[in-house]
Amino acid sequence: ASATTFTIAAIGWFRQAPANKRELVAA
């Protein structure tokens, strides 16, 4: 991420398989 975004935000990993909803993997 940009430095500004990185320092103020949490980061979440999501995944999406075909025909599935996007789900949170980790944050």
mmCIF file of all heavy atoms, coordinates in Angstrom:
data_MODEL
# 
_entry.id   MODEL 
# 
loop_
_atom_site.group_PDB 
_atom_site.id 
_atom_site.type_symbol 
_atom_site.label_atom_id 
_atom_site.label_alt_id 
_atom_site.label_comp_id 
_atom_site.label_asym_id 
_atom_site.label_entity_id 
_atom_site.label_seq_id 
_atom_site.pdbx_PDB_ins_code 
_atom_site.Cartn_x 
_atom_site.Cartn_y 
_atom_site.Cartn_z 
_atom_site.occupancy 
_atom_site.B_iso_or_equiv 
_atom_site.pdbx_formal_charge 
_atom_site.auth_seq_id 
_atom_site.auth_comp_id 
_atom_site.auth_asym_id 
_atom_site.auth_atom_id 
_atom_site.pdbx_PDB_model_num 
ATOM 1   N N   . ALA A 1 1  ? 0.829   -1.193  0.000   1.00 0.00 ? 1  ALA A N   1 
ATOM 2   C CA  . ALA A 1 1  ? 0.000   0.000   0.000   1.00 0.00 ? 1  ALA A CA  1 
ATOM 3   C C   . ALA A 1 1  ? 0.866   1.247   0.000   1.00 0.00 ? 1  ALA A C   1 
ATOM 4   O O   . ALA A 1 1  ? 2.071   1.194   0.233   1.00 0.00 ? 1  ALA A O   1 
ATOM 5   C CB  . ALA A 1 1  ? -0.924  0.004   1.213   1.00 0.00 ? 1  ALA A CB  1 
ATOM 6   N N   . SER A 1 2  ? 0.234   2.374   -0.268  1.00 0.00 ? 2  SER A N   1 
ATOM 7   C CA  . SER A 1 2  ? 0.917   3.640   -0.070  1.00 0.00 ? 2  SER A CA  1 
ATOM 8   C C   . SER A 1 2  ? 1.202   3.819   1.413   1.00 0.00 ? 2  SER A C   1 
ATOM 9   O O   . SER A 1 2  ? 0.530   3.249   2.268   1.00 0.00 ? 2  SER A O   1 
ATOM 10  C CB  . SER A 1 2  ? 0.073   4.793   -0.587  1.00 0.00 ? 2  SER A CB  1 
ATOM 11  O OG  . SER A 1 2  ? -1.074  4.982   0.221   1.00 0.00 ? 2  SER A OG  1 
ATOM 12  N N   . ALA A 1 3  ? 2.185   4.615   1.723   1.00 0.00 ? 3  ALA A N   1 
ATOM 13  C CA  . ALA A 1 3  ? 2.556   4.820   3.118   1.00 0.00 ? 3  ALA A CA  1 
ATOM 14  C C   . ALA A 1 3  ? 1.407   5.392   3.927   1.00 0.00 ? 3  ALA A C   1 
ATOM 15  O O   . ALA A 1 3  ? 1.168   4.969   5.062   1.00 0.00 ? 3  ALA A O   1 
ATOM 16  C CB  . ALA A 1 3  ? 3.782   5.725   3.204   1.00 0.00 ? 3  ALA A CB  1 
ATOM 17  N N   . THR A 1 4  ? 0.695   6.346   3.363   1.00 0.00 ? 4  THR A N   1 
ATOM 18  C CA  . THR A 1 4  ? -0.412  6.963   4.083   1.00 0.00 ? 4  THR A CA  1 
ATOM 19  C C   . THR A 1 4  ? -1.508  5.954   4.381   1.00 0.00 ? 4  THR A C   1 
ATOM 20  O O   . THR A 1 4  ? -2.013  5.874   5.503   1.00 0.00 ? 4  THR A O   1 
ATOM 21  C CB  . THR A 1 4  ? -0.983  8.141   3.286   1.00 0.00 ? 4  THR A CB  1 
ATOM 22  O OG1 . THR A 1 4  ? 0.022   9.129   3.107   1.00 0.00 ? 4  THR A OG1 1 
ATOM 23  C CG2 . THR A 1 4  ? -2.172  8.755   4.017   1.00 0.00 ? 4  THR A CG2 1 
ATOM 24  N N   . THR A 1 5  ? -1.898  5.195   3.378   1.00 0.00 ? 5  THR A N   1 
ATOM 25  C CA  . THR A 1 5  ? -2.914  4.172   3.571   1.00 0.00 ? 5  THR A CA  1 
ATOM 26  C C   . THR A 1 5  ? -2.465  3.139   4.590   1.00 0.00 ? 5  THR A C   1 
ATOM 27  O O   . THR A 1 5  ? -3.222  2.746   5.482   1.00 0.00 ? 5  THR A O   1 
ATOM 28  C CB  . THR A 1 5  ? -3.239  3.485   2.238   1.00 0.00 ? 5  THR A CB  1 
ATOM 29  O OG1 . THR A 1 5  ? -3.770  4.444   1.328   1.00 0.00 ? 5  THR A OG1 1 
ATOM 30  C CG2 . THR A 1 5  ? -4.242  2.359   2.440   1.00 0.00 ? 5  THR A CG2 1 
ATOM 31  N N   . PHE A 1 6  ? -1.242  2.729   4.478   1.00 0.00 ? 6  PHE A N   1 
ATOM 32  C CA  . PHE A 1 6  ? -0.747  1.658   5.318   1.00 0.00 ? 6  PHE A CA  1 
ATOM 33  C C   . PHE A 1 6  ? -0.705  2.046   6.788   1.00 0.00 ? 6  PHE A C   1 
ATOM 34  O O   . PHE A 1 6  ? -1.043  1.236   7.653   1.00 0.00 ? 6  PHE A O   1 
ATOM 35  C CB  . PHE A 1 6  ? 0.642   1.231   4.845   1.00 0.00 ? 6  PHE A CB  1 
ATOM 36  C CG  . PHE A 1 6  ? 1.115   -0.042  5.459   1.00 0.00 ? 6  PHE A CG  1 
ATOM 37  C CD1 . PHE A 1 6  ? 0.739   -1.262  4.929   1.00 0.00 ? 6  PHE A CD1 1 
ATOM 38  C CD2 . PHE A 1 6  ? 1.936   -0.028  6.575   1.00 0.00 ? 6  PHE A CD2 1 
ATOM 39  C CE1 . PHE A 1 6  ? 1.176   -2.447  5.496   1.00 0.00 ? 6  PHE A CE1 1 
ATOM 40  C CE2 . PHE A 1 6  ? 2.375   -1.204  7.150   1.00 0.00 ? 6  PHE A CE2 1 
ATOM 41  C CZ  . PHE A 1 6  ? 1.992   -2.417  6.610   1.00 0.00 ? 6  PHE A CZ  1 
ATOM 42  N N   . THR A 1 7  ? -0.309  3.245   7.079   1.00 0.00 ? 7  THR A N   1 
ATOM 43  C CA  . THR A 1 7  ? -0.128  3.644   8.468   1.00 0.00 ? 7  THR A CA  1 
ATOM 44  C C   . THR A 1 7  ? -1.431  3.863   9.211   1.00 0.00 ? 7  THR A C   1 
ATOM 45  O O   . THR A 1 7  ? -1.462  3.739   10.439  1.00 0.00 ? 7  THR A O   1 
ATOM 46  C CB  . THR A 1 7  ? 0.731   4.907   8.576   1.00 0.00 ? 7  THR A CB  1 
ATOM 47  O OG1 . THR A 1 7  ? 0.145   5.953   7.803   1.00 0.00 ? 7  THR A OG1 1 
ATOM 48  C CG2 . THR A 1 7  ? 2.144   4.647   8.079   1.00 0.00 ? 7  THR A CG2 1 
ATOM 49  N N   . ILE A 1 8  ? -2.511  4.179   8.527   1.00 0.00 ? 8  ILE A N   1 
ATOM 50  C CA  . ILE A 1 8  ? -3.760  4.501   9.197   1.00 0.00 ? 8  ILE A CA  1 
ATOM 51  C C   . ILE A 1 8  ? -4.803  3.398   9.119   1.00 0.00 ? 8  ILE A C   1 
ATOM 52  O O   . ILE A 1 8  ? -5.789  3.436   9.861   1.00 0.00 ? 8  ILE A O   1 
ATOM 53  C CB  . ILE A 1 8  ? -4.377  5.799   8.653   1.00 0.00 ? 8  ILE A CB  1 
ATOM 54  C CG1 . ILE A 1 8  ? -4.815  5.623   7.199   1.00 0.00 ? 8  ILE A CG1 1 
ATOM 55  C CG2 . ILE A 1 8  ? -3.385  6.957   8.802   1.00 0.00 ? 8  ILE A CG2 1 
ATOM 56  C CD1 . ILE A 1 8  ? -5.590  6.797   6.647   1.00 0.00 ? 8  ILE A CD1 1 
ATOM 57  N N   . ALA A 1 9  ? -4.608  2.435   8.253   1.00 0.00 ? 9  ALA A N   1 
ATOM 58  C CA  . ALA A 1 9  ? -5.657  1.469   7.978   1.00 0.00 ? 9  ALA A CA  1 
ATOM 59  C C   . ALA A 1 9  ? -5.280  0.064   8.422   1.00 0.00 ? 9  ALA A C   1 
ATOM 60  O O   . ALA A 1 9  ? -4.116  -0.320  8.448   1.00 0.00 ? 9  ALA A O   1 
ATOM 61  C CB  . ALA A 1 9  ? -5.984  1.455   6.494   1.00 0.00 ? 9  ALA A CB  1 
ATOM 62  N N   . ALA A 1 10 ? -6.309  -0.687  8.766   1.00 0.00 ? 10 ALA A N   1 
ATOM 63  C CA  . ALA A 1 10 ? -6.168  -2.129  8.811   1.00 0.00 ? 10 ALA A CA  1 
ATOM 64  C C   . ALA A 1 10 ? -6.199  -2.671  7.387   1.00 0.00 ? 10 ALA A C   1 
ATOM 65  O O   . ALA A 1 10 ? -6.759  -2.050  6.480   1.00 0.00 ? 10 ALA A O   1 
ATOM 66  C CB  . ALA A 1 10 ? -7.296  -2.743  9.633   1.00 0.00 ? 10 ALA A CB  1 
ATOM 67  N N   . ILE A 1 11 ? -5.603  -3.826  7.188   1.00 0.00 ? 11 ILE A N   1 
ATOM 68  C CA  . ILE A 1 11 ? -5.613  -4.482  5.896   1.00 0.00 ? 11 ILE A CA  1 
ATOM 69  C C   . ILE A 1 11 ? -6.284  -5.832  6.055   1.00 0.00 ? 11 ILE A C   1 
ATOM 70  O O   . ILE A 1 11 ? -5.935  -6.598  6.957   1.00 0.00 ? 11 ILE A O   1 
ATOM 71  C CB  . ILE A 1 11 ? -4.205  -4.661  5.325   1.00 0.00 ? 11 ILE A CB  1 
ATOM 72  C CG1 . ILE A 1 11 ? -3.518  -3.300  5.144   1.00 0.00 ? 11 ILE A CG1 1 
ATOM 73  C CG2 . ILE A 1 11 ? -4.255  -5.426  4.002   1.00 0.00 ? 11 ILE A CG2 1 
ATOM 74  C CD1 . ILE A 1 11 ? -4.168  -2.408  4.101   1.00 0.00 ? 11 ILE A CD1 1 
ATOM 75  N N   . GLY A 1 12 ? -7.226  -6.092  5.195   1.00 0.00 ? 12 GLY A N   1 
ATOM 76  C CA  . GLY A 1 12 ? -7.901  -7.373  5.194   1.00 0.00 ? 12 GLY A CA  1 
ATOM 77  C C   . GLY A 1 12 ? -7.632  -8.128  3.913   1.00 0.00 ? 12 GLY A C   1 
ATOM 78  O O   . GLY A 1 12 ? -7.568  -7.535  2.834   1.00 0.00 ? 12 GLY A O   1 
ATOM 79  N N   . TRP A 1 13 ? -7.452  -9.424  4.035   1.00 0.00 ? 13 TRP A N   1 
ATOM 80  C CA  . TRP A 1 13 ? -7.392  -10.314 2.888   1.00 0.00 ? 13 TRP A CA  1 
ATOM 81  C C   . TRP A 1 13 ? -8.750  -10.974 2.711   1.00 0.00 ? 13 TRP A C   1 
ATOM 82  O O   . TRP A 1 13 ? -9.289  -11.561 3.651   1.00 0.00 ? 13 TRP A O   1 
ATOM 83  C CB  . TRP A 1 13 ? -6.327  -11.386 3.070   1.00 0.00 ? 13 TRP A CB  1 
ATOM 84  C CG  . TRP A 1 13 ? -4.932  -10.938 2.766   1.00 0.00 ? 13 TRP A CG  1 
ATOM 85  C CD1 . TRP A 1 13 ? -3.953  -10.619 3.649   1.00 0.00 ? 13 TRP A CD1 1 
ATOM 86  C CD2 . TRP A 1 13 ? -4.357  -10.786 1.460   1.00 0.00 ? 13 TRP A CD2 1 
ATOM 87  N NE1 . TRP A 1 13 ? -2.797  -10.273 2.994   1.00 0.00 ? 13 TRP A NE1 1 
ATOM 88  C CE2 . TRP A 1 13 ? -3.018  -10.363 1.643   1.00 0.00 ? 13 TRP A CE2 1 
ATOM 89  C CE3 . TRP A 1 13 ? -4.832  -10.959 0.165   1.00 0.00 ? 13 TRP A CE3 1 
ATOM 90  C CZ2 . TRP A 1 13 ? -2.163  -10.120 0.576   1.00 0.00 ? 13 TRP A CZ2 1 
ATOM 91  C CZ3 . TRP A 1 13 ? -3.981  -10.711 -0.891  1.00 0.00 ? 13 TRP A CZ3 1 
ATOM 92  C CH2 . TRP A 1 13 ? -2.669  -10.297 -0.681  1.00 0.00 ? 13 TRP A CH2 1 
ATOM 93  N N   . PHE A 1 14 ? -9.271  -10.869 1.523   1.00 0.00 ? 14 PHE A N   1 
ATOM 94  C CA  . PHE A 1 14 ? -10.518 -11.511 1.142   1.00 0.00 ? 14 PHE A CA  1 
ATOM 95  C C   . PHE A 1 14 ? -10.262 -12.470 -0.002  1.00 0.00 ? 14 PHE A C   1 
ATOM 96  O O   . PHE A 1 14 ? -9.268  -12.368 -0.700  1.00 0.00 ? 14 PHE A O   1 
ATOM 97  C CB  . PHE A 1 14 ? -11.553 -10.475 0.701   1.00 0.00 ? 14 PHE A CB  1 
ATOM 98  C CG  . PHE A 1 14 ? -12.082 -9.604  1.798   1.00 0.00 ? 14 PHE A CG  1 
ATOM 99  C CD1 . PHE A 1 14 ? -11.312 -8.598  2.343   1.00 0.00 ? 14 PHE A CD1 1 
ATOM 100 C CD2 . PHE A 1 14 ? -13.372 -9.784  2.280   1.00 0.00 ? 14 PHE A CD2 1 
ATOM 101 C CE1 . PHE A 1 14 ? -11.791 -7.783  3.350   1.00 0.00 ? 14 PHE A CE1 1 
ATOM 102 C CE2 . PHE A 1 14 ? -13.878 -8.979  3.284   1.00 0.00 ? 14 PHE A CE2 1 
ATOM 103 C CZ  . PHE A 1 14 ? -13.084 -7.979  3.817   1.00 0.00 ? 14 PHE A CZ  1 
ATOM 104 N N   . ARG A 1 15 ? -11.189 -13.377 -0.203  1.00 0.00 ? 15 ARG A N   1 
ATOM 105 C CA  . ARG A 1 15 ? -11.105 -14.241 -1.368  1.00 0.00 ? 15 ARG A CA  1 
ATOM 106 C C   . ARG A 1 15 ? -12.485 -14.459 -1.950  1.00 0.00 ? 15 ARG A C   1 
ATOM 107 O O   . ARG A 1 15 ? -13.495 -14.390 -1.253  1.00 0.00 ? 15 ARG A O   1 
ATOM 108 C CB  . ARG A 1 15 ? -10.451 -15.588 -1.026  1.00 0.00 ? 15 ARG A CB  1 
ATOM 109 C CG  . ARG A 1 15 ? -11.254 -16.463 -0.091  1.00 0.00 ? 15 ARG A CG  1 
ATOM 110 C CD  . ARG A 1 15 ? -10.431 -17.677 0.302   1.00 0.00 ? 15 ARG A CD  1 
ATOM 111 N NE  . ARG A 1 15 ? -11.162 -18.579 1.175   1.00 0.00 ? 15 ARG A NE  1 
ATOM 112 C CZ  . ARG A 1 15 ? -10.622 -19.622 1.790   1.00 0.00 ? 15 ARG A CZ  1 
ATOM 113 N NH1 . ARG A 1 15 ? -9.328  -19.899 1.617   1.00 0.00 ? 15 ARG A NH1 1 
ATOM 114 N NH2 . ARG A 1 15 ? -11.363 -20.393 2.571   1.00 0.00 ? 15 ARG A NH2 1 
ATOM 115 N N   . GLN A 1 16 ? -12.496 -14.735 -3.234  1.00 0.00 ? 16 GLN A N   1 
ATOM 116 C CA  . GLN A 1 16 ? -13.738 -14.982 -3.925  1.00 0.00 ? 16 GLN A CA  1 
ATOM 117 C C   . GLN A 1 16 ? -13.518 -16.040 -4.993  1.00 0.00 ? 16 GLN A C   1 
ATOM 118 O O   . GLN A 1 16 ? -12.704 -15.857 -5.896  1.00 0.00 ? 16 GLN A O   1 
ATOM 119 C CB  . GLN A 1 16 ? -14.291 -13.709 -4.556  1.00 0.00 ? 16 GLN A CB  1 
ATOM 120 C CG  . GLN A 1 16 ? -15.674 -13.869 -5.143  1.00 0.00 ? 16 GLN A CG  1 
ATOM 121 C CD  . GLN A 1 16 ? -16.341 -12.541 -5.441  1.00 0.00 ? 16 GLN A CD  1 
ATOM 122 O OE1 . GLN A 1 16 ? -15.669 -11.526 -5.612  1.00 0.00 ? 16 GLN A OE1 1 
ATOM 123 N NE2 . GLN A 1 16 ? -17.656 -12.537 -5.487  1.00 0.00 ? 16 GLN A NE2 1 
ATOM 124 N N   . ALA A 1 17 ? -14.237 -17.126 -4.859  1.00 0.00 ? 17 ALA A N   1 
ATOM 125 C CA  . ALA A 1 17 ? -14.228 -18.184 -5.853  1.00 0.00 ? 17 ALA A CA  1 
ATOM 126 C C   . ALA A 1 17 ? -15.443 -18.014 -6.760  1.00 0.00 ? 17 ALA A C   1 
ATOM 127 O O   . ALA A 1 17 ? -16.418 -17.361 -6.387  1.00 0.00 ? 17 ALA A O   1 
ATOM 128 C CB  . ALA A 1 17 ? -14.257 -19.553 -5.177  1.00 0.00 ? 17 ALA A CB  1 
ATOM 129 N N   . PRO A 1 18 ? -15.400 -18.594 -7.960  1.00 0.00 ? 18 PRO A N   1 
ATOM 130 C CA  . PRO A 1 18 ? -16.548 -18.487 -8.856  1.00 0.00 ? 18 PRO A CA  1 
ATOM 131 C C   . PRO A 1 18 ? -17.835 -18.932 -8.181  1.00 0.00 ? 18 PRO A C   1 
ATOM 132 O O   . PRO A 1 18 ? -17.881 -19.961 -7.523  1.00 0.00 ? 18 PRO A O   1 
ATOM 133 C CB  . PRO A 1 18 ? -16.172 -19.411 -10.012 1.00 0.00 ? 18 PRO A CB  1 
ATOM 134 C CG  . PRO A 1 18 ? -14.682 -19.385 -10.023 1.00 0.00 ? 18 PRO A CG  1 
ATOM 135 C CD  . PRO A 1 18 ? -14.280 -19.317 -8.574  1.00 0.00 ? 18 PRO A CD  1 
ATOM 136 N N   . ALA A 1 19 ? -18.859 -18.127 -8.343  1.00 0.00 ? 19 ALA A N   1 
ATOM 137 C CA  . ALA A 1 19 ? -20.196 -18.386 -7.800  1.00 0.00 ? 19 ALA A CA  1 
ATOM 138 C C   . ALA A 1 19 ? -20.277 -18.228 -6.290  1.00 0.00 ? 19 ALA A C   1 
ATOM 139 O O   . ALA A 1 19 ? -21.333 -18.473 -5.706  1.00 0.00 ? 19 ALA A O   1 
ATOM 140 C CB  . ALA A 1 19 ? -20.711 -19.754 -8.214  1.00 0.00 ? 19 ALA A CB  1 
ATOM 141 N N   . ASN A 1 20 ? -19.198 -17.831 -5.655  1.00 0.00 ? 20 ASN A N   1 
ATOM 142 C CA  . ASN A 1 20 ? -19.198 -17.635 -4.214  1.00 0.00 ? 20 ASN A CA  1 
ATOM 143 C C   . ASN A 1 20 ? -19.134 -16.155 -3.858  1.00 0.00 ? 20 ASN A C   1 
ATOM 144 O O   . ASN A 1 20 ? -18.685 -15.323 -4.646  1.00 0.00 ? 20 ASN A O   1 
ATOM 145 C CB  . ASN A 1 20 ? -18.018 -18.357 -3.570  1.00 0.00 ? 20 ASN A CB  1 
ATOM 146 C CG  . ASN A 1 20 ? -18.166 -19.858 -3.571  1.00 0.00 ? 20 ASN A CG  1 
ATOM 147 O OD1 . ASN A 1 20 ? -19.239 -20.385 -3.859  1.00 0.00 ? 20 ASN A OD1 1 
ATOM 148 N ND2 . ASN A 1 20 ? -17.083 -20.553 -3.256  1.00 0.00 ? 20 ASN A ND2 1 
ATOM 149 N N   . LYS A 1 21 ? -19.574 -15.858 -2.661  1.00 0.00 ? 21 LYS A N   1 
ATOM 150 C CA  . LYS A 1 21 ? -19.459 -14.495 -2.172  1.00 0.00 ? 21 LYS A CA  1 
ATOM 151 C C   . LYS A 1 21 ? -18.025 -14.227 -1.737  1.00 0.00 ? 21 LYS A C   1 
ATOM 152 O O   . LYS A 1 21 ? -17.261 -15.143 -1.441  1.00 0.00 ? 21 LYS A O   1 
ATOM 153 C CB  . LYS A 1 21 ? -20.412 -14.266 -1.005  1.00 0.00 ? 21 LYS A CB  1 
ATOM 154 C CG  . LYS A 1 21 ? -20.098 -15.117 0.220   1.00 0.00 ? 21 LYS A CG  1 
ATOM 155 C CD  . LYS A 1 21 ? -21.079 -14.866 1.354   1.00 0.00 ? 21 LYS A CD  1 
ATOM 156 C CE  . LYS A 1 21 ? -20.742 -15.711 2.571   1.00 0.00 ? 21 LYS A CE  1 
ATOM 157 N NZ  . LYS A 1 21 ? -21.703 -15.494 3.673   1.00 0.00 ? 21 LYS A NZ  1 
ATOM 158 N N   . ARG A 1 22 ? -17.672 -12.973 -1.715  1.00 0.00 ? 22 ARG A N   1 
ATOM 159 C CA  . ARG A 1 22 ? -16.360 -12.601 -1.223  1.00 0.00 ? 22 ARG A CA  1 
ATOM 160 C C   . ARG A 1 22 ? -16.335 -12.730 0.289   1.00 0.00 ? 22 ARG A C   1 
ATOM 161 O O   . ARG A 1 22 ? -17.208 -12.196 0.981   1.00 0.00 ? 22 ARG A O   1 
ATOM 162 C CB  . ARG A 1 22 ? -16.023 -11.175 -1.656  1.00 0.00 ? 22 ARG A CB  1 
ATOM 163 C CG  . ARG A 1 22 ? -14.596 -10.767 -1.375  1.00 0.00 ? 22 ARG A CG  1 
ATOM 164 C CD  . ARG A 1 22 ? -14.256 -9.439  -2.040  1.00 0.00 ? 22 ARG A CD  1 
ATOM 165 N NE  . ARG A 1 22 ? -14.325 -9.533  -3.495  1.00 0.00 ? 22 ARG A NE  1 
ATOM 166 C CZ  . ARG A 1 22 ? -13.977 -8.557  -4.319  1.00 0.00 ? 22 ARG A CZ  1 
ATOM 167 N NH1 . ARG A 1 22 ? -13.526 -7.406  -3.834  1.00 0.00 ? 22 ARG A NH1 1 
ATOM 168 N NH2 . ARG A 1 22 ? -14.083 -8.720  -5.634  1.00 0.00 ? 22 ARG A NH2 1 
ATOM 169 N N   . GLU A 1 23 ? -15.345 -13.437 0.797   1.00 0.00 ? 23 GLU A N   1 
ATOM 170 C CA  . GLU A 1 23 ? -15.269 -13.685 2.225   1.00 0.00 ? 23 GLU A CA  1 
ATOM 171 C C   . GLU A 1 23 ? -13.952 -13.207 2.808   1.00 0.00 ? 23 GLU A C   1 
ATOM 172 O O   . GLU A 1 23 ? -12.909 -13.256 2.155   1.00 0.00 ? 23 GLU A O   1 
ATOM 173 C CB  . GLU A 1 23 ? -15.450 -15.181 2.527   1.00 0.00 ? 23 GLU A CB  1 
ATOM 174 C CG  . GLU A 1 23 ? -14.354 -16.061 1.962   1.00 0.00 ? 23 GLU A CG  1 
ATOM 175 C CD  . GLU A 1 23 ? -14.472 -17.520 2.396   1.00 0.00 ? 23 GLU A CD  1 
ATOM 176 O OE1 . GLU A 1 23 ? -15.171 -17.794 3.389   1.00 0.00 ? 23 GLU A OE1 1 
ATOM 177 O OE2 . GLU A 1 23 ? -13.865 -18.384 1.737   1.00 0.00 ? 23 GLU A OE2 1 
ATOM 178 N N   . LEU A 1 24 ? -14.021 -12.782 4.043   1.00 0.00 ? 24 LEU A N   1 
ATOM 179 C CA  . LEU A 1 24 ? -12.825 -12.352 4.751   1.00 0.00 ? 24 LEU A CA  1 
ATOM 180 C C   . LEU A 1 24 ? -11.997 -13.562 5.143   1.00 0.00 ? 24 LEU A C   1 
ATOM 181 O O   . LEU A 1 24 ? -12.502 -14.509 5.739   1.00 0.00 ? 24 LEU A O   1 
ATOM 182 C CB  . LEU A 1 24 ? -13.199 -11.555 5.997   1.00 0.00 ? 24 LEU A CB  1 
ATOM 183 C CG  . LEU A 1 24 ? -12.034 -11.073 6.865   1.00 0.00 ? 24 LEU A CG  1 
ATOM 184 C CD1 . LEU A 1 24 ? -11.201 -10.033 6.122   1.00 0.00 ? 24 LEU A CD1 1 
ATOM 185 C CD2 . LEU A 1 24 ? -12.549 -10.493 8.175   1.00 0.00 ? 24 LEU A CD2 1 
ATOM 186 N N   . VAL A 1 25 ? -10.726 -13.516 4.827   1.00 0.00 ? 25 VAL A N   1 
ATOM 187 C CA  . VAL A 1 25 ? -9.788  -14.577 5.175   1.00 0.00 ? 25 VAL A CA  1 
ATOM 188 C C   . VAL A 1 25 ? -9.030  -14.224 6.440   1.00 0.00 ? 25 VAL A C   1 
ATOM 189 O O   . VAL A 1 25 ? -8.924  -15.029 7.371   1.00 0.00 ? 25 VAL A O   1 
ATOM 190 C CB  . VAL A 1 25 ? -8.809  -14.839 4.018   1.00 0.00 ? 25 VAL A CB  1 
ATOM 191 C CG1 . VAL A 1 25 ? -7.764  -15.877 4.420   1.00 0.00 ? 25 VAL A CG1 1 
ATOM 192 C CG2 . VAL A 1 25 ? -9.571  -15.292 2.783   1.00 0.00 ? 25 VAL A CG2 1 
ATOM 193 N N   . ALA A 1 26 ? -8.477  -13.036 6.477   1.00 0.00 ? 26 ALA A N   1 
ATOM 194 C CA  . ALA A 1 26 ? -7.686  -12.584 7.612   1.00 0.00 ? 26 ALA A CA  1 
ATOM 195 C C   . ALA A 1 26 ? -7.572  -11.077 7.553   1.00 0.00 ? 26 ALA A C   1 
ATOM 196 O O   . ALA A 1 26 ? -7.717  -10.470 6.488   1.00 0.00 ? 26 ALA A O   1 
ATOM 197 C CB  . ALA A 1 26 ? -6.297  -13.227 7.614   1.00 0.00 ? 26 ALA A CB  1 
ATOM 198 N N   . ALA A 1 27 ? -7.305  -10.475 8.689   1.00 0.00 ? 27 ALA A N   1 
ATOM 199 C CA  . ALA A 1 27 ? -7.132  -9.035  8.749   1.00 0.00 ? 27 ALA A CA  1 
ATOM 200 C C   . ALA A 1 27 ? -6.110  -8.693  9.809   1.00 0.00 ? 27 ALA A C   1 
ATOM 201 O O   . ALA A 1 27 ? -5.915  -9.440  10.772  1.00 0.00 ? 27 ALA A O   1 
ATOM 202 C CB  . ALA A 1 27 ? -8.461  -8.335  9.048   1.00 0.00 ? 27 ALA A CB  1 
# 
